[in-house]
């Protein structure tokens, strides 16, 4: 009786696998890999880089960089020349209260992180060309280096030693 039961179970499992469990959908050549690639791209686009280690306010003498945790940033720096007739941009101005308004204004978008470096692009700027690739590199002593082909600014976080980033 036990041998008969095992045989019946084996036959039932075999028939089930043949009838239901081995259904294959046929797709035109290349469609399966295209769907697989689309899934990989959409999951990659959902994974957002983590910019939290860069987020915050970074300051140096005459400049400030504010980075959001989503990778957007603004940079503002002194041009160290006053606007006036015949003075090209960027140039600094003074508001009605006597506060200096920095001439170099930039909007930046960072898109990826590798270790202690964030990579991005300048979206708009009064000084650098739009589309210029830029990096942020976390440095010792709570400092960050903002750079393109060459360093643009070394900026300090709140825990940086006094005097590290200028007056």
Protein backbone atom coordinates (compact mmCIF):
# COMPACT_ATOMS: atom_id res chain seq x y z
CA UNK A 1 0.00 0.00 0.00
CA UNK A 2 2.83 2.41 0.88
CA UNK A 3 4.60 1.76 -2.47
CA UNK A 4 1.35 2.37 -4.33
CA UNK A 5 0.82 5.68 -2.44
CA UNK A 6 4.38 6.88 -3.23
CA UNK A 7 3.94 5.99 -6.88
CA UNK A 8 0.62 7.84 -7.04
CA UNK A 9 2.17 10.93 -5.38
CA UNK A 10 5.10 10.85 -7.79
CA UNK A 11 2.77 10.54 -10.82
CA UNK A 12 0.54 13.35 -9.53
CA UNK A 13 3.58 15.65 -8.98
CA UNK A 14 4.94 14.83 -12.45
CA UNK A 15 1.58 15.55 -14.12
CA UNK A 16 1.22 18.77 -12.14
CA UNK A 17 4.67 19.99 -13.21
CA UNK A 18 3.99 19.13 -16.83
CA UNK A 19 0.54 20.67 -16.88
CA UNK A 20 0.88 23.76 -14.73
CA UNK A 21 4.33 24.30 -13.43
CA UNK A 22 6.26 24.51 -16.69
CA UNK A 23 4.29 27.17 -18.52
CA UNK A 24 6.69 29.36 -20.52
CA UNK A 25 5.74 32.62 -22.13
CA UNK A 26 7.48 33.15 -25.40
CA UNK A 27 8.76 36.64 -26.15
CA UNK A 28 10.30 37.99 -29.30
CA UNK A 29 14.10 37.85 -29.32
CA UNK A 30 15.66 40.62 -27.24
CA UNK A 31 12.44 41.57 -25.45
CA UNK A 32 13.28 39.64 -22.28
CA UNK A 33 16.70 41.29 -21.98
CA UNK A 34 15.20 44.70 -22.74
CA UNK A 35 12.65 44.23 -19.95
CA UNK A 36 15.43 43.08 -17.62
CA UNK A 37 17.52 46.16 -18.50
CA UNK A 38 14.51 48.44 -17.98
CA UNK A 39 13.94 46.94 -14.54
CA UNK A 40 17.62 47.40 -13.65
CA UNK A 41 17.58 51.03 -14.80
CA UNK A 42 14.38 51.86 -12.94
CA UNK A 43 15.67 50.29 -9.72
CA UNK A 44 18.96 52.18 -10.14
CA UNK A 45 17.10 55.45 -10.59
CA UNK A 46 15.15 54.75 -7.41
CA UNK A 47 18.33 54.36 -5.38
CA UNK A 48 19.17 57.93 -4.46
CA UNK A 49 22.73 58.73 -3.41
CA UNK A 50 23.12 59.66 0.24
CA UNK A 51 24.42 63.23 0.53
CA UNK A 52 23.87 63.53 4.30
CA UNK A 53 27.61 63.52 5.05
CA UNK A 54 27.94 66.65 2.87
CA UNK A 55 24.70 68.39 3.90
CA UNK A 56 24.84 71.61 5.85
CA UNK A 57 26.41 75.04 5.80
CA UNK A 58 30.10 75.31 4.89
CA UNK A 59 31.75 78.72 5.33
CA UNK A 60 35.01 80.44 4.41
CA UNK A 61 36.01 84.10 4.39
CA UNK A 62 33.78 85.70 1.75
CA UNK A 63 31.99 82.50 0.67
CA UNK A 64 29.32 80.05 1.74
CA UNK A 65 28.20 76.68 0.38
CA UNK A 66 24.83 75.28 1.48
CA UNK A 67 24.21 71.63 0.59
CA UNK A 68 20.88 69.83 0.97
CA UNK A 69 20.61 66.12 1.66
CA UNK A 70 19.01 65.66 -1.81
CA UNK A 71 22.22 66.84 -3.53
CA UNK A 72 21.15 70.36 -4.46
CA UNK A 73 23.46 73.17 -3.40
CA UNK A 74 24.07 76.89 -3.62
CA UNK A 75 27.46 78.55 -3.55
CA UNK A 76 27.99 82.25 -3.00
CA UNK A 77 31.35 84.00 -2.95
CA UNK A 78 32.85 87.46 -3.08
CA UNK A 79 34.19 88.57 -6.44
CA UNK A 80 36.29 91.19 -4.66
CA UNK A 81 35.49 93.93 -7.14
CA UNK A 82 32.63 96.40 -6.87
CA UNK A 83 30.02 96.64 -9.58
CA UNK A 84 30.02 99.87 -11.53
CA UNK A 85 30.14 101.28 -15.03
CA UNK A 86 32.31 99.06 -17.21
CA UNK A 87 32.89 96.43 -14.49
CA UNK A 88 32.18 92.94 -15.83
CA UNK A 89 30.23 90.29 -13.92
CA UNK A 90 30.71 88.84 -11.45
CA UNK A 91 31.00 91.82 -9.16
CA UNK A 92 29.88 92.54 -5.62
CA UNK A 93 27.20 95.04 -4.59
CA UNK A 94 26.05 96.52 -1.32
CA UNK A 95 22.42 96.56 -0.20
CA UNK A 96 20.63 99.47 1.48
CA UNK A 97 21.69 98.23 4.93
CA UNK A 98 25.37 98.18 3.97
CA UNK A 99 25.64 94.38 3.62
CA UNK A 100 27.82 93.02 0.83
CA UNK A 101 26.02 90.88 -1.72
CA UNK A 102 28.39 88.35 -3.24
CA UNK A 103 28.90 88.54 -6.99
CA UNK A 104 29.58 84.84 -7.56
CA UNK A 105 26.26 82.97 -7.27
CA UNK A 106 25.94 79.30 -8.28
CA UNK A 107 23.26 76.61 -8.30
CA UNK A 108 24.71 73.09 -8.24
CA UNK A 109 23.29 69.58 -8.51
CA UNK A 110 25.26 66.64 -7.11
CA UNK A 111 24.26 63.28 -8.54
CA UNK A 112 26.57 60.64 -7.11
CA UNK A 113 28.82 59.86 -4.17
CA UNK A 114 31.91 57.68 -4.04
CA UNK A 115 33.37 57.44 -0.55
CA UNK A 116 34.17 60.96 0.63
CA UNK A 117 33.67 62.59 -2.79
CA UNK A 118 30.41 63.91 -4.29
CA UNK A 119 30.18 64.55 -8.03
CA UNK A 120 27.94 67.14 -9.63
CA UNK A 121 27.42 69.87 -12.19
CA UNK A 122 26.99 73.62 -12.02
CA UNK A 123 23.47 74.43 -13.22
CA UNK A 124 23.75 78.23 -13.22
CA UNK A 125 26.53 80.59 -12.24
CA UNK A 126 27.61 84.20 -12.57
CA UNK A 127 31.23 83.05 -12.68
CA UNK A 128 31.67 79.46 -13.95
CA UNK A 129 30.11 78.02 -17.12
CA UNK A 130 26.87 76.06 -16.70
CA UNK A 131 27.52 72.35 -17.12
CA UNK A 132 30.96 72.49 -15.50
CA UNK A 133 31.62 69.24 -13.57
CA UNK A 134 32.44 69.86 -9.91
CA UNK A 135 33.35 67.79 -6.86
CA UNK A 136 33.09 68.05 -3.11
CA UNK A 137 35.72 66.23 -1.09
CA UNK A 138 35.44 65.81 2.66
CA UNK A 139 38.78 66.79 4.18
CA UNK A 140 40.20 66.49 7.72
CA UNK A 141 39.21 68.91 10.50
CA UNK A 142 35.58 69.31 9.36
CA UNK A 143 36.51 70.94 6.06
CA UNK A 144 35.31 70.39 2.52
CA UNK A 145 37.03 71.15 -0.79
CA UNK A 146 34.80 72.46 -3.56
CA UNK A 147 36.58 72.03 -6.90
CA UNK A 148 36.27 71.89 -10.67
CA UNK A 149 39.48 71.39 -12.63
CA UNK A 150 41.21 73.28 -9.82
CA UNK A 151 40.14 74.07 -6.24
CA UNK A 152 37.40 76.68 -6.00
CA UNK A 153 37.19 76.96 -2.21
CA UNK A 154 38.13 75.23 1.02
CA UNK A 155 35.18 75.65 3.36
CA UNK A 156 34.70 74.86 7.05
CA UNK A 157 31.99 73.13 8.99
CA UNK A 158 31.09 74.11 12.55
CA UNK A 159 33.73 71.85 14.14
CA UNK A 160 36.67 73.14 12.07
CA UNK A 161 39.55 74.69 14.03
CA UNK A 162 39.38 78.48 14.26
CA UNK A 163 41.21 80.22 11.40
CA UNK A 164 41.24 77.17 9.10
CA UNK A 165 39.10 78.81 6.43
CA UNK A 166 40.15 82.45 6.73
CA UNK A 167 39.15 85.35 8.89
